[in-house]
Amino acid sequence: MPCPQPSTDPWPVSRAGAVLTIDLDAIVANHRRLAAQAGGATCAAVLKADAYGVGAQQVATALAHAGVREFLVAHVDEGISLRAWVPTDARVTVLHGPRPGAEADCARHALRPVLNT
């Protein structure tokens, strides 16, 4: 028996068990508040796992427009995607570092790997 294909059409809100509303202005305000309390230290935005399911593209774009220039992701592919949404002067750090063979991708996309030991 063939497996049914998932629908690309979202369910109507009336049938949803829950609805999540993302307030990008609140995310930007939270970052600004934390940055102000950081005592001059750099305050970065961690956007791994699609910004924890909130939507990395939307969050990165909002934070970049607000002047954030330090971003962290978990994996190289997330960093490559993030590069399309942040200014070229933004620093993108890959927390899990590159897998063997991905060093060229890090260099090509100006990703800063964390080298774990």
PDB file of N, CA and C in Angstrom:
ATOM      1  N   MET A   1       0.839  -1.170   0.000  1.00  0.00           N
ATOM      2  CA  MET A   1       0.000   0.000   0.000  1.00  0.00           C
ATOM      3  C   MET A   1       0.890   1.242   0.000  1.00  0.00           C
ATOM      4  N   PRO A   2       0.682   2.179  -0.922  1.00  0.00           N
ATOM      5  CA  PRO A   2       1.510   3.386  -0.966  1.00  0.00           C
ATOM      6  C   PRO A   2       1.252   4.289   0.242  1.00  0.00           C
ATOM      7  N   CYS A   3       2.293   4.976   0.616  1.00  0.00           N
ATOM      8  CA  CYS A   3       2.202   5.907   1.738  1.00  0.00           C
ATOM      9  C   CYS A   3       1.560   7.207   1.254  1.00  0.00           C
ATOM     10  N   PRO A   4       0.602   7.758   1.981  1.00  0.00           N
ATOM     11  CA  PRO A   4      -0.006   9.016   1.553  1.00  0.00           C
ATOM     12  C   PRO A   4       1.010  10.148   1.605  1.00  0.00           C
ATOM     13  N   GLN A   5       0.891  11.068   0.683  1.00  0.00           N
ATOM     14  CA  GLN A   5       1.783  12.220   0.620  1.00  0.00           C
ATOM     15  C   GLN A   5       1.243  13.342   1.503  1.00  0.00           C
ATOM     16  N   PRO A   6       2.138  14.031   2.208  1.00  0.00           N
ATOM     17  CA  PRO A   6       1.671  15.136   3.042  1.00  0.00           C
ATOM     18  C   PRO A   6       1.163  16.283   2.176  1.00  0.00           C
ATOM     19  N   SER A   7       0.203  16.977   2.683  1.00  0.00           N
ATOM     20  CA  SER A   7      -0.362  18.127   1.986  1.00  0.00           C
ATOM     21  C   SER A   7       0.507  19.345   2.237  1.00  0.00           C
ATOM     22  N   THR A   8       0.627  20.190   1.234  1.00  0.00           N
ATOM     23  CA  THR A   8       1.338  21.451   1.419  1.00  0.00           C
ATOM     24  C   THR A   8       0.383  22.549   1.860  1.00  0.00           C
ATOM     25  N   ASP A   9      -0.911  22.263   1.844  1.00  0.00           N
ATOM     26  CA  ASP A   9      -1.899  23.245   2.282  1.00  0.00           C
ATOM     27  C   ASP A   9      -1.999  23.218   3.802  1.00  0.00           C
ATOM     28  N   PRO A  10      -1.851  24.388   4.448  1.00  0.00           N
ATOM     29  CA  PRO A  10      -1.986  24.397   5.907  1.00  0.00           C
ATOM     30  C   PRO A  10      -3.434  24.153   6.316  1.00  0.00           C
ATOM     31  N   TRP A  11      -3.586  23.597   7.486  1.00  0.00           N
ATOM     32  CA  TRP A  11      -4.931  23.416   8.026  1.00  0.00           C
ATOM     33  C   TRP A  11      -5.517  24.778   8.347  1.00  0.00           C
ATOM     34  N   PRO A  12      -6.820  24.883   8.263  1.00  0.00           N
ATOM     35  CA  PRO A  12      -7.423  26.150   8.688  1.00  0.00           C
ATOM     36  C   PRO A  12      -7.189  26.358  10.186  1.00  0.00           C
ATOM     37  N   VAL A  13      -7.040  27.593  10.576  1.00  0.00           N
ATOM     38  CA  VAL A  13      -6.782  27.916  11.976  1.00  0.00           C
ATOM     39  C   VAL A  13      -7.858  27.316  12.876  1.00  0.00           C
ATOM     40  N   SER A  14      -9.075  27.239  12.383  1.00  0.00           N
ATOM     41  CA  SER A  14     -10.164  26.700  13.202  1.00  0.00           C
ATOM     42  C   SER A  14      -9.944  25.237  13.576  1.00  0.00           C
ATOM     43  N   ARG A  15      -9.088  24.514  12.830  1.00  0.00           N
ATOM     44  CA  ARG A  15      -8.810  23.105  13.120  1.00  0.00           C
ATOM     45  C   ARG A  15      -7.476  22.906  13.826  1.00  0.00           C
ATOM     46  N   ALA A  16      -6.749  23.961  14.043  1.00  0.00           N
ATOM     47  CA  ALA A  16      -5.428  23.850  14.667  1.00  0.00           C
ATOM     48  C   ALA A  16      -5.563  23.628  16.165  1.00  0.00           C
ATOM     49  N   GLY A  17      -4.680  22.806  16.703  1.00  0.00           N
ATOM     50  CA  GLY A  17      -4.658  22.595  18.148  1.00  0.00           C
ATOM     51  C   GLY A  17      -4.058  23.783  18.879  1.00  0.00           C
ATOM     52  N   ALA A  18      -3.186  24.500  18.181  1.00  0.00           N
ATOM     53  CA  ALA A  18      -2.551  25.690  18.751  1.00  0.00           C
ATOM     54  C   ALA A  18      -2.085  26.568  17.599  1.00  0.00           C
ATOM     55  N   VAL A  19      -1.965  27.835  17.854  1.00  0.00           N
ATOM     56  CA  VAL A  19      -1.481  28.782  16.859  1.00  0.00           C
ATOM     57  C   VAL A  19      -0.344  29.565  17.498  1.00  0.00           C
ATOM     58  N   LEU A  20       0.793  29.600  16.829  1.00  0.00           N
ATOM     59  CA  LEU A  20       1.951  30.326  17.325  1.00  0.00           C
ATOM     60  C   LEU A  20       2.090  31.613  16.534  1.00  0.00           C
ATOM     61  N   THR A  21       2.117  32.721  17.224  1.00  0.00           N
ATOM     62  CA  THR A  21       2.318  34.018  16.591  1.00  0.00           C
ATOM     63  C   THR A  21       3.701  34.513  16.979  1.00  0.00           C
ATOM     64  N   ILE A  22       4.516  34.835  15.985  1.00  0.00           N
ATOM     65  CA  ILE A  22       5.881  35.295  16.220  1.00  0.00           C
ATOM     66  C   ILE A  22       5.894  36.815  16.181  1.00  0.00           C
ATOM     67  N   ASP A  23       6.363  37.434  17.247  1.00  0.00           N
ATOM     68  CA  ASP A  23       6.452  38.888  17.335  1.00  0.00           C
ATOM     69  C   ASP A  23       7.913  39.282  17.121  1.00  0.00           C
ATOM     70  N   LEU A  24       8.253  39.616  15.879  1.00  0.00           N
ATOM     71  CA  LEU A  24       9.640  39.959  15.554  1.00  0.00           C
ATOM     72  C   LEU A  24      10.092  41.216  16.283  1.00  0.00           C
ATOM     73  N   ASP A  25       9.178  42.160  16.496  1.00  0.00           N
ATOM     74  CA  ASP A  25       9.544  43.363  17.249  1.00  0.00           C
ATOM     75  C   ASP A  25       9.952  43.003  18.676  1.00  0.00           C
ATOM     76  N   ALA A  26       9.285  42.033  19.275  1.00  0.00           N
ATOM     77  CA  ALA A  26       9.640  41.593  20.629  1.00  0.00           C
ATOM     78  C   ALA A  26      11.001  40.908  20.635  1.00  0.00           C
ATOM     79  N   ILE A  27      11.287  40.124  19.602  1.00  0.00           N
ATOM     80  CA  ILE A  27      12.598  39.465  19.510  1.00  0.00           C
ATOM     81  C   ILE A  27      13.699  40.509  19.410  1.00  0.00           C
ATOM     82  N   VAL A  28      13.491  41.520  18.568  1.00  0.00           N
ATOM     83  CA  VAL A  28      14.477  42.603  18.430  1.00  0.00           C
ATOM     84  C   VAL A  28      14.623  43.351  19.755  1.00  0.00           C
ATOM     85  N   ALA A  29      13.510  43.659  20.405  1.00  0.00           N
ATOM     86  CA  ALA A  29      13.560  44.368  21.694  1.00  0.00           C
ATOM     87  C   ALA A  29      14.297  43.541  22.744  1.00  0.00           C
ATOM     88  N   ASN A  30      14.071  42.237  22.769  1.00  0.00           N
ATOM     89  CA  ASN A  30      14.771  41.365  23.719  1.00  0.00           C
ATOM     90  C   ASN A  30      16.270  41.382  23.464  1.00  0.00           C
ATOM     91  N   HIS A  31      16.661  41.331  22.191  1.00  0.00           N
ATOM     92  CA  HIS A  31      18.094  41.364  21.873  1.00  0.00           C
ATOM     93  C   HIS A  31      18.699  42.690  22.315  1.00  0.00           C
ATOM     94  N   ARG A  32      18.018  43.781  22.030  1.00  0.00           N
ATOM     95  CA  ARG A  32      18.537  45.099  22.431  1.00  0.00           C
ATOM     96  C   ARG A  32      18.686  45.194  23.951  1.00  0.00           C
ATOM     97  N   ARG A  33      17.707  44.678  24.680  1.00  0.00           N
ATOM     98  CA  ARG A  33      17.758  44.725  26.142  1.00  0.00           C
ATOM     99  C   ARG A  33      18.942  43.911  26.662  1.00  0.00           C
ATOM    100  N   LEU A  34      19.129  42.708  26.132  1.00  0.00           N
ATOM    101  CA  LEU A  34      20.252  41.874  26.567  1.00  0.00           C
ATOM    102  C   LEU A  34      21.589  42.497  26.185  1.00  0.00           C
ATOM    103  N   ALA A  35      21.666  43.066  24.984  1.00  0.00           N
ATOM    104  CA  ALA A  35      22.904  43.708  24.546  1.00  0.00           C
ATOM    105  C   ALA A  35      23.240  44.890  25.455  1.00  0.00           C
ATOM    106  N   ALA A  36      22.232  45.638  25.878  1.00  0.00           N
ATOM    107  CA  ALA A  36      22.458  46.778  26.769  1.00  0.00           C
ATOM    108  C   ALA A  36      22.963  46.326  28.132  1.00  0.00           C
ATOM    109  N   GLN A  37      22.601  45.138  28.549  1.00  0.00           N
ATOM    110  CA  GLN A  37      23.017  44.608  29.851  1.00  0.00           C
ATOM    111  C   GLN A  37      24.339  43.841  29.781  1.00  0.00           C
ATOM    112  N   ALA A  38      24.895  43.691  28.588  1.00  0.00           N
ATOM    113  CA  ALA A  38      26.090  42.856  28.409  1.00  0.00           C
ATOM    114  C   ALA A  38      27.380  43.560  28.797  1.00  0.00           C
ATOM    115  N   GLY A  39      27.310  44.802  29.216  1.00  0.00           N
ATOM    116  CA  GLY A  39      28.500  45.497  29.687  1.00  0.00           C
ATOM    117  C   GLY A  39      29.587  45.648  28.643  1.00  0.00           C
ATOM    118  N   GLY A  40      29.215  45.882  27.403  1.00  0.00           N
ATOM    119  CA  GLY A  40      30.193  46.062  26.334  1.00  0.00           C
ATOM    120  C   GLY A  40      30.587  44.778  25.623  1.00  0.00           C
ATOM    121  N   ALA A  41      30.210  43.639  26.165  1.00  0.00           N
ATOM    122  CA  ALA A  41      30.489  42.363  25.491  1.00  0.00           C
ATOM    123  C   ALA A  41      29.557  42.218  24.291  1.00  0.00           C
ATOM    124  N   THR A  42      29.998  41.474  23.307  1.00  0.00           N
ATOM    125  CA  THR A  42      29.174  41.230  22.131  1.00  0.00           C
ATOM    126  C   THR A  42      28.004  40.327  22.494  1.00  0.00           C
ATOM    127  N   CYS A  43      26.840  40.697  22.040  1.00  0.00           N
ATOM    128  CA  CYS A  43      25.633  39.899  22.263  1.00  0.00           C
ATOM    129  C   CYS A  43      25.226  39.314  20.913  1.00  0.00           C
ATOM    130  N   ALA A  44      25.286  38.009  20.807  1.00  0.00           N
ATOM    131  CA  ALA A  44      25.012  37.330  19.537  1.00  0.00           C
ATOM    132  C   ALA A  44      23.602  36.759  19.522  1.00  0.00           C
ATOM    133  N   ALA A  45      23.114  36.518  18.316  1.00  0.00           N
ATOM    134  CA  ALA A  45      21.816  35.870  18.122  1.00  0.00           C
ATOM    135  C   ALA A  45      22.064  34.423  17.710  1.00  0.00           C
ATOM    136  N   VAL A  46      21.527  33.487  18.473  1.00  0.00           N
ATOM    137  CA  VAL A  46      21.674  32.067  18.160  1.00  0.00           C
ATOM    138  C   VAL A  46      20.450  31.633  17.369  1.00  0.00           C
ATOM    139  N   LEU A  47      20.673  31.218  16.116  1.00  0.00           N
ATOM    140  CA  LEU A  47      19.572  30.898  15.209  1.00  0.00           C
ATOM    141  C   LEU A  47      19.606  29.452  14.741  1.00  0.00           C
ATOM    142  N   LYS A  48      20.159  28.564  15.551  1.00  0.00           N
ATOM    143  CA  LYS A  48      20.229  27.158  15.139  1.00  0.00           C
ATOM    144  C   LYS A  48      18.839  26.538  15.108  1.00  0.00           C
ATOM    145  N   ALA A  49      18.714  25.455  14.356  1.00  0.00           N
ATOM    146  CA  ALA A  49      17.446  24.717  14.222  1.00  0.00           C
ATOM    147  C   ALA A  49      16.312  25.636  13.784  1.00  0.00           C
ATOM    148  N   ASP A  50      16.582  26.404  12.708  1.00  0.00           N
ATOM    149  CA  ASP A  50      15.585  27.330  12.155  1.00  0.00           C
ATOM    150  C   ASP A  50      15.121  28.311  13.224  1.00  0.00           C
ATOM    151  N   ALA A  51      16.088  28.843  13.958  1.00  0.00           N
ATOM    152  CA  ALA A  51      15.806  29.776  15.054  1.00  0.00           C
ATOM    153  C   ALA A  51      14.849  29.129  16.047  1.00  0.00           C
ATOM    154  N   TYR A  52      15.175  27.883  16.396  1.00  0.00           N
ATOM    155  CA  TYR A  52      14.372  27.100  17.346  1.00  0.00           C
ATOM    156  C   TYR A  52      12.934  26.952  16.870  1.00  0.00           C
ATOM    157  N   GLY A  53      12.784  26.829  15.548  1.00  0.00           N
ATOM    158  CA  GLY A  53      11.467  26.608  14.966  1.00  0.00           C
ATOM    159  C   GLY A  53      10.666  27.873  14.723  1.00  0.00           C
ATOM    160  N   VAL A  54      11.239  29.006  15.034  1.00  0.00           N
ATOM    161  CA  VAL A  54      10.531  30.277  14.871  1.00  0.00           C
ATOM    162  C   VAL A  54      10.649  30.793  13.443  1.00  0.00           C
ATOM    163  N   GLY A  55      11.711  30.426  12.739  1.00  0.00           N
ATOM    164  CA  GLY A  55      11.936  30.876  11.366  1.00  0.00           C
ATOM    165  C   GLY A  55      13.208  31.698  11.270  1.00  0.00           C
ATOM    166  N   ALA A  56      14.304  31.054  10.926  1.00  0.00           N
ATOM    167  CA  ALA A  56      15.607  31.722  10.898  1.00  0.00           C
ATOM    168  C   ALA A  56      15.636  32.890   9.921  1.00  0.00           C
ATOM    169  N   GLN A  57      15.027  32.733   8.758  1.00  0.00           N
ATOM    170  CA  GLN A  57      15.065  33.816   7.773  1.00  0.00           C
ATOM    171  C   GLN A  57      14.395  35.072   8.319  1.00  0.00           C
ATOM    172  N   GLN A  58      13.218  34.931   8.881  1.00  0.00           N
ATOM    173  CA  GLN A  58      12.495  36.088   9.389  1.00  0.00           C
ATOM    174  C   GLN A  58      13.217  36.723  10.581  1.00  0.00           C
ATOM    175  N   VAL A  59      13.706  35.891  11.491  1.00  0.00           N
ATOM    176  CA  VAL A  59      14.383  36.409  12.676  1.00  0.00           C
ATOM    177  C   VAL A  59      15.708  37.059  12.289  1.00  0.00           C
ATOM    178  N   ALA A  60      16.486  36.410  11.436  1.00  0.00           N
ATOM    179  CA  ALA A  60      17.774  36.969  11.010  1.00  0.00           C
ATOM    180  C   ALA A  60      17.584  38.297  10.301  1.00  0.00           C
ATOM    181  N   THR A  61      16.600  38.368   9.427  1.00  0.00           N
ATOM    182  CA  THR A  61      16.347  39.606   8.691  1.00  0.00           C
ATOM    183  C   THR A  61      15.971  40.732   9.648  1.00  0.00           C
ATOM    184  N   ALA A  62      15.086  40.452  10.589  1.00  0.00           N
ATOM    185  CA  ALA A  62      14.666  41.479  11.552  1.00  0.00           C
ATOM    186  C   ALA A  62      15.840  41.938  12.411  1.00  0.00           C
ATOM    187  N   LEU A  63      16.632  40.991  12.914  1.00  0.00           N
ATOM    188  CA  LEU A  63      17.767  41.353  13.756  1.00  0.00           C
ATOM    189  C   LEU A  63      18.843  42.094  12.967  1.00  0.00           C
ATOM    190  N   ALA A  64      19.088  41.671  11.739  1.00  0.00           N
ATOM    191  CA  ALA A  64      20.082  42.355  10.904  1.00  0.00           C
ATOM    192  C   ALA A  64      19.653  43.794  10.627  1.00  0.00           C
ATOM    193  N   HIS A  65      18.373  44.000  10.336  1.00  0.00           N
ATOM    194  CA  HIS A  65      17.877  45.366  10.119  1.00  0.00           C
ATOM    195  C   HIS A  65      17.998  46.212  11.383  1.00  0.00           C
ATOM    196  N   ALA A  66      17.994  45.561  12.536  1.00  0.00           N
ATOM    197  CA  ALA A  66      18.139  46.265  13.813  1.00  0.00           C
ATOM    198  C   ALA A  66      19.605  46.493  14.182  1.00  0.00           C
ATOM    199  N   GLY A  67      20.524  46.033  13.334  1.00  0.00           N
ATOM    200  CA  GLY A  67      21.942  46.280  13.562  1.00  0.00           C
ATOM    201  C   GLY A  67      22.730  45.128  14.149  1.00  0.00           C
ATOM    202  N   VAL A  68      22.105  43.993  14.388  1.00  0.00           N
ATOM    203  CA  VAL A  68      22.830  42.835  14.926  1.00  0.00           C
ATOM    204  C   VAL A  68      23.807  42.329  13.869  1.00  0.00           C
ATOM    205  N   ARG A  69      25.040  42.057  14.288  1.00  0.00           N
ATOM    206  CA  ARG A  69      26.064  41.599  13.348  1.00  0.00           C
ATOM    207  C   ARG A  69      26.775  40.338  13.821  1.00  0.00           C
ATOM    208  N   GLU A  70      26.282  39.702  14.863  1.00  0.00           N
ATOM    209  CA  GLU A  70      26.908  38.478  15.381  1.00  0.00           C
ATOM    210  C   GLU A  70      25.835  37.399  15.480  1.00  0.00           C
ATOM    211  N   PHE A  71      26.009  36.335  14.687  1.00  0.00           N
ATOM    212  CA  PHE A  71      25.022  35.257  14.626  1.00  0.00           C
ATOM    213  C   PHE A  71      25.718  33.919  14.844  1.00  0.00           C
ATOM    214  N   LEU A  72      25.022  32.989  15.479  1.00  0.00           N
ATOM    215  CA  LEU A  72      25.536  31.644  15.679  1.00  0.00           C
ATOM    216  C   LEU A  72      24.519  30.634  15.178  1.00  0.00           C
ATOM    217  N   VAL A  73      25.037  29.591  14.543  1.00  0.00           N
ATOM    218  CA  VAL A  73      24.214  28.481  14.059  1.00  0.00           C
ATOM    219  C   VAL A  73      24.878  27.185  14.510  1.00  0.00           C
ATOM    220  N   ALA A  74      24.183  26.079  14.346  1.00  0.00           N
ATOM    221  CA  ALA A  74      24.742  24.799  14.770  1.00  0.00           C
ATOM    222  C   ALA A  74      25.603  24.162  13.690  1.00  0.00           C
ATOM    223  N   HIS A  75      25.164  24.221  12.440  1.00  0.00           N
ATOM    224  CA  HIS A  75      25.801  23.460  11.367  1.00  0.00           C
ATOM    225  C   HIS A  75      26.159  24.350  10.181  1.00  0.00           C
ATOM    226  N   VAL A  76      27.110  23.886   9.388  1.00  0.00           N
ATOM    227  CA  VAL A  76      27.582  24.631   8.223  1.00  0.00           C
ATOM    228  C   VAL A  76      26.438  24.970   7.278  1.00  0.00           C
ATOM    229  N   ASP A  77      25.534  24.022   7.003  1.00  0.00           N
ATOM    230  CA  ASP A  77      24.448  24.309   6.061  1.00  0.00           C
ATOM    231  C   ASP A  77      23.544  25.425   6.575  1.00  0.00           C
ATOM    232  N   GLU A  78      23.359  25.518   7.891  1.00  0.00           N
ATOM    233  CA  GLU A  78      22.586  26.628   8.448  1.00  0.00           C
ATOM    234  C   GLU A  78      23.316  27.952   8.225  1.00  0.00           C
ATOM    235  N   GLY A  79      24.625  27.941   8.363  1.00  0.00           N
ATOM    236  CA  GLY A  79      25.416  29.147   8.134  1.00  0.00           C
ATOM    237  C   GLY A  79      25.369  29.600   6.693  1.00  0.00           C
ATOM    238  N   ILE A  80      25.429  28.649   5.770  1.00  0.00           N
ATOM    239  CA  ILE A  80      25.342  28.988   4.345  1.00  0.00           C
ATOM    240  C   ILE A  80      23.997  29.640   4.057  1.00  0.00           C
ATOM    241  N   SER A  81      22.923  29.080   4.582  1.00  0.00           N
ATOM    242  CA  SER A  81      21.597  29.678   4.393  1.00  0.00           C
ATOM    243  C   SER A  81      21.525  31.064   5.019  1.00  0.00           C
ATOM    244  N   LEU A  82      22.062  31.205   6.223  1.00  0.00           N
ATOM    245  CA  LEU A  82      22.003  32.478   6.940  1.00  0.00           C
ATOM    246  C   LEU A  82      22.699  33.591   6.180  1.00  0.00           C
ATOM    247  N   ARG A  83      23.765  33.271   5.474  1.00  0.00           N
ATOM    248  CA  ARG A  83      24.513  34.276   4.723  1.00  0.00           C
ATOM    249  C   ARG A  83      23.627  35.059   3.752  1.00  0.00           C
ATOM    250  N   ALA A  84      22.591  34.439   3.221  1.00  0.00           N
ATOM    251  CA  ALA A  84      21.698  35.121   2.273  1.00  0.00           C
ATOM    252  C   ALA A  84      20.822  36.160   2.964  1.00  0.00           C
ATOM    253  N   TRP A  85      20.711  36.096   4.279  1.00  0.00           N
ATOM    254  CA  TRP A  85      19.767  36.946   5.005  1.00  0.00           C
ATOM    255  C   TRP A  85      20.424  38.007   5.870  1.00  0.00           C
ATOM    256  N   VAL A  86      21.750  37.987   5.991  1.00  0.00           N
ATOM    257  CA  VAL A  86      22.442  38.953   6.844  1.00  0.00           C
ATOM    258  C   VAL A  86      23.460  39.722   6.005  1.00  0.00           C
ATOM    259  N   PRO A  87      23.847  40.918   6.450  1.00  0.00           N
ATOM    260  CA  PRO A  87      24.828  41.705   5.705  1.00  0.00           C
ATOM    261  C   PRO A  87      26.184  40.999   5.627  1.00  0.00           C
ATOM    262  N   THR A  88      26.959  41.381   4.640  1.00  0.00           N
ATOM    263  CA  THR A  88      28.265  40.746   4.442  1.00  0.00           C
ATOM    264  C   THR A  88      29.217  41.007   5.603  1.00  0.00           C
ATOM    265  N   ASP A  89      29.000  42.090   6.366  1.00  0.00           N
ATOM    266  CA  ASP A  89      29.889  42.363   7.498  1.00  0.00           C
ATOM    267  C   ASP A  89      29.478  41.616   8.766  1.00  0.00           C
ATOM    268  N   ALA A  90      28.402  40.855   8.712  1.00  0.00           N
ATOM    269  CA  ALA A  90      27.969  40.071   9.874  1.00  0.00           C
ATOM    270  C   ALA A  90      28.887  38.866  10.059  1.00  0.00           C
ATOM    271  N   ARG A  91      29.147  38.520  11.317  1.00  0.00           N
ATOM    272  CA  ARG A  91      29.925  37.321  11.614  1.00  0.00           C
ATOM    273  C   ARG A  91      28.964  36.171  11.865  1.00  0.00           C
ATOM    274  N   VAL A  92      29.244  35.056  11.218  1.00  0.00           N
ATOM    275  CA  VAL A  92      28.428  33.854  11.384  1.00  0.00           C
ATOM    276  C   VAL A  92      29.341  32.752  11.914  1.00  0.00           C
ATOM    277  N   THR A  93      29.050  32.299  13.115  1.00  0.00           N
ATOM    278  CA  THR A  93      29.851  31.270  13.775  1.00  0.00           C
ATOM    279  C   THR A  93      29.078  29.960  13.774  1.00  0.00           C
ATOM    280  N   VAL A  94      29.778  28.879  13.428  1.00  0.00           N
ATOM    281  CA  VAL A  94      29.185  27.538  13.389  1.00  0.00           C
ATOM    282  C   VAL A  94      29.611  26.804  14.658  1.00  0.00           C
ATOM    283  N   LEU A  95      28.662  26.569  15.547  1.00  0.00           N
ATOM    284  CA  LEU A  95      28.976  25.996  16.859  1.00  0.00           C
ATOM    285  C   LEU A  95      29.519  24.578  16.790  1.00  0.00           C
ATOM    286  N   HIS A  96      29.022  23.767  15.871  1.00  0.00           N
ATOM    287  CA  HIS A  96      29.466  22.376  15.806  1.00  0.00           C
ATOM    288  C   HIS A  96      30.670  22.192  14.896  1.00  0.00           C
ATOM    289  N   GLY A  97      31.207  23.284  14.378  1.00  0.00           N
ATOM    290  CA  GLY A  97      32.372  23.190  13.520  1.00  0.00           C
ATOM    291  C   GLY A  97      32.076  22.444  12.241  1.00  0.00           C
ATOM    292  N   PRO A  98      33.020  22.442  11.312  1.00  0.00           N
ATOM    293  CA  PRO A  98      32.777  21.749  10.042  1.00  0.00           C
ATOM    294  C   PRO A  98      33.080  20.258  10.141  1.00  0.00           C
ATOM    295  N   ARG A  99      32.318  19.487   9.430  1.00  0.00           N
ATOM    296  CA  ARG A  99      32.660  18.070   9.262  1.00  0.00           C
ATOM    297  C   ARG A  99      33.828  18.006   8.283  1.00  0.00           C
ATOM    298  N   PRO A 100      34.601  16.939   8.319  1.00  0.00           N
ATOM    299  CA  PRO A 100      35.713  16.819   7.373  1.00  0.00           C
ATOM    300  C   PRO A 100      35.228  17.019   5.937  1.00  0.00           C
ATOM    301  N   GLY A 101      35.924  17.877   5.224  1.00  0.00           N
ATOM    302  CA  GLY A 101      35.571  18.178   3.842  1.00  0.00           C
ATOM    303  C   GLY A 101      34.749  19.440   3.681  1.00  0.00           C
ATOM    304  N   ALA A 102      34.240  20.002   4.775  1.00  0.00           N
ATOM    305  CA  ALA A 102      33.401  21.204   4.692  1.00  0.00           C
ATOM    306  C   ALA A 102      34.193  22.486   4.947  1.00  0.00           C
ATOM    307  N   GLU A 103      35.500  22.353   5.111  1.00  0.00           N
ATOM    308  CA  GLU A 103      36.317  23.530   5.389  1.00  0.00           C
ATOM    309  C   GLU A 103      36.226  24.559   4.267  1.00  0.00           C
ATOM    310  N   ALA A 104      36.191  24.088   3.028  1.00  0.00           N
ATOM    311  CA  ALA A 104      36.100  25.009   1.889  1.00  0.00           C
ATOM    312  C   ALA A 104      34.787  25.782   1.911  1.00  0.00           C
ATOM    313  N   ASP A 105      33.705  25.125   2.317  1.00  0.00           N
ATOM    314  CA  ASP A 105      32.421  25.820   2.431  1.00  0.00           C
ATOM    315  C   ASP A 105      32.496  26.918   3.493  1.00  0.00           C
ATOM    316  N   CYS A 106      33.173  26.633   4.592  1.00  0.00           N
ATOM    317  CA  CYS A 106      33.341  27.653   5.631  1.00  0.00           C
ATOM    318  C   CYS A 106      34.091  28.860   5.082  1.00  0.00           C
ATOM    319  N   ALA A 107      35.156  28.613   4.361  1.00  0.00           N
ATOM    320  CA  ALA A 107      35.936  29.707   3.789  1.00  0.00           C
ATOM    321  C   ALA A 107      35.134  30.469   2.736  1.00  0.00           C
ATOM    322  N   ARG A 108      34.467  29.751   1.853  1.00  0.00           N
ATOM    323  CA  ARG A 108      33.708  30.366   0.761  1.00  0.00           C
ATOM    324  C   ARG A 108      32.592  31.268   1.284  1.00  0.00           C
ATOM    325  N   HIS A 109      31.980  30.880   2.390  1.00  0.00           N
ATOM    326  CA  HIS A 109      30.835  31.626   2.921  1.00  0.00           C
ATOM    327  C   HIS A 109      31.187  32.441   4.169  1.00  0.00           C
ATOM    328  N   ALA A 110      32.474  32.570   4.447  1.00  0.00           N
ATOM    329  CA  ALA A 110      32.960  33.354   5.593  1.00  0.00           C
ATOM    330  C   ALA A 110      32.292  32.919   6.894  1.00  0.00           C
ATOM    331  N   LEU A 111      32.308  31.615   7.137  1.00  0.00           N
ATOM    332  CA  LEU A 111      31.758  31.055   8.368  1.00  0.00           C
ATOM    333  C   LEU A 111      32.904  30.786   9.336  1.00  0.00           C
ATOM    334  N   ARG A 112      32.715  31.125  10.594  1.00  0.00           N
ATOM    335  CA  ARG A 112      33.738  30.914  11.624  1.00  0.00           C
ATOM    336  C   ARG A 112      33.411  29.644  12.388  1.00  0.00           C
ATOM    337  N   PRO A 113      34.202  28.599  12.200  1.00  0.00           N
ATOM    338  CA  PRO A 113      33.910  27.351  12.910  1.00  0.00           C
ATOM    339  C   PRO A 113      34.423  27.380  14.345  1.00  0.00           C
ATOM    340  N   VAL A 114      33.676  26.745  15.230  1.00  0.00           N
ATOM    341  CA  VAL A 114      34.142  26.481  16.585  1.00  0.00           C
ATOM    342  C   VAL A 114      34.787  25.107  16.529  1.00  0.00           C
ATOM    343  N   LEU A 115      36.026  25.013  16.949  1.00  0.00           N
ATOM    344  CA  LEU A 115      36.733  23.739  16.906  1.00  0.00           C
ATOM    345  C   LEU A 115      36.600  23.065  18.260  1.00  0.00           C
ATOM    346  N   ASN A 116      35.816  22.017  18.302  1.00  0.00           N
ATOM    347  CA  ASN A 116      35.563  21.281  19.537  1.00  0.00           C
ATOM    348  C   ASN A 116      36.614  20.198  19.726  1.00  0.00           C
ATOM    349  N   THR A 117      37.020  19.981  20.964  1.00  0.00           N
ATOM    350  CA  THR A 117      37.979  18.913  21.247  1.00  0.00           C
ATOM    351  C   THR A 117      37.388  17.929  22.223  1.00  0.00           C
TER     352      THR A 117
END
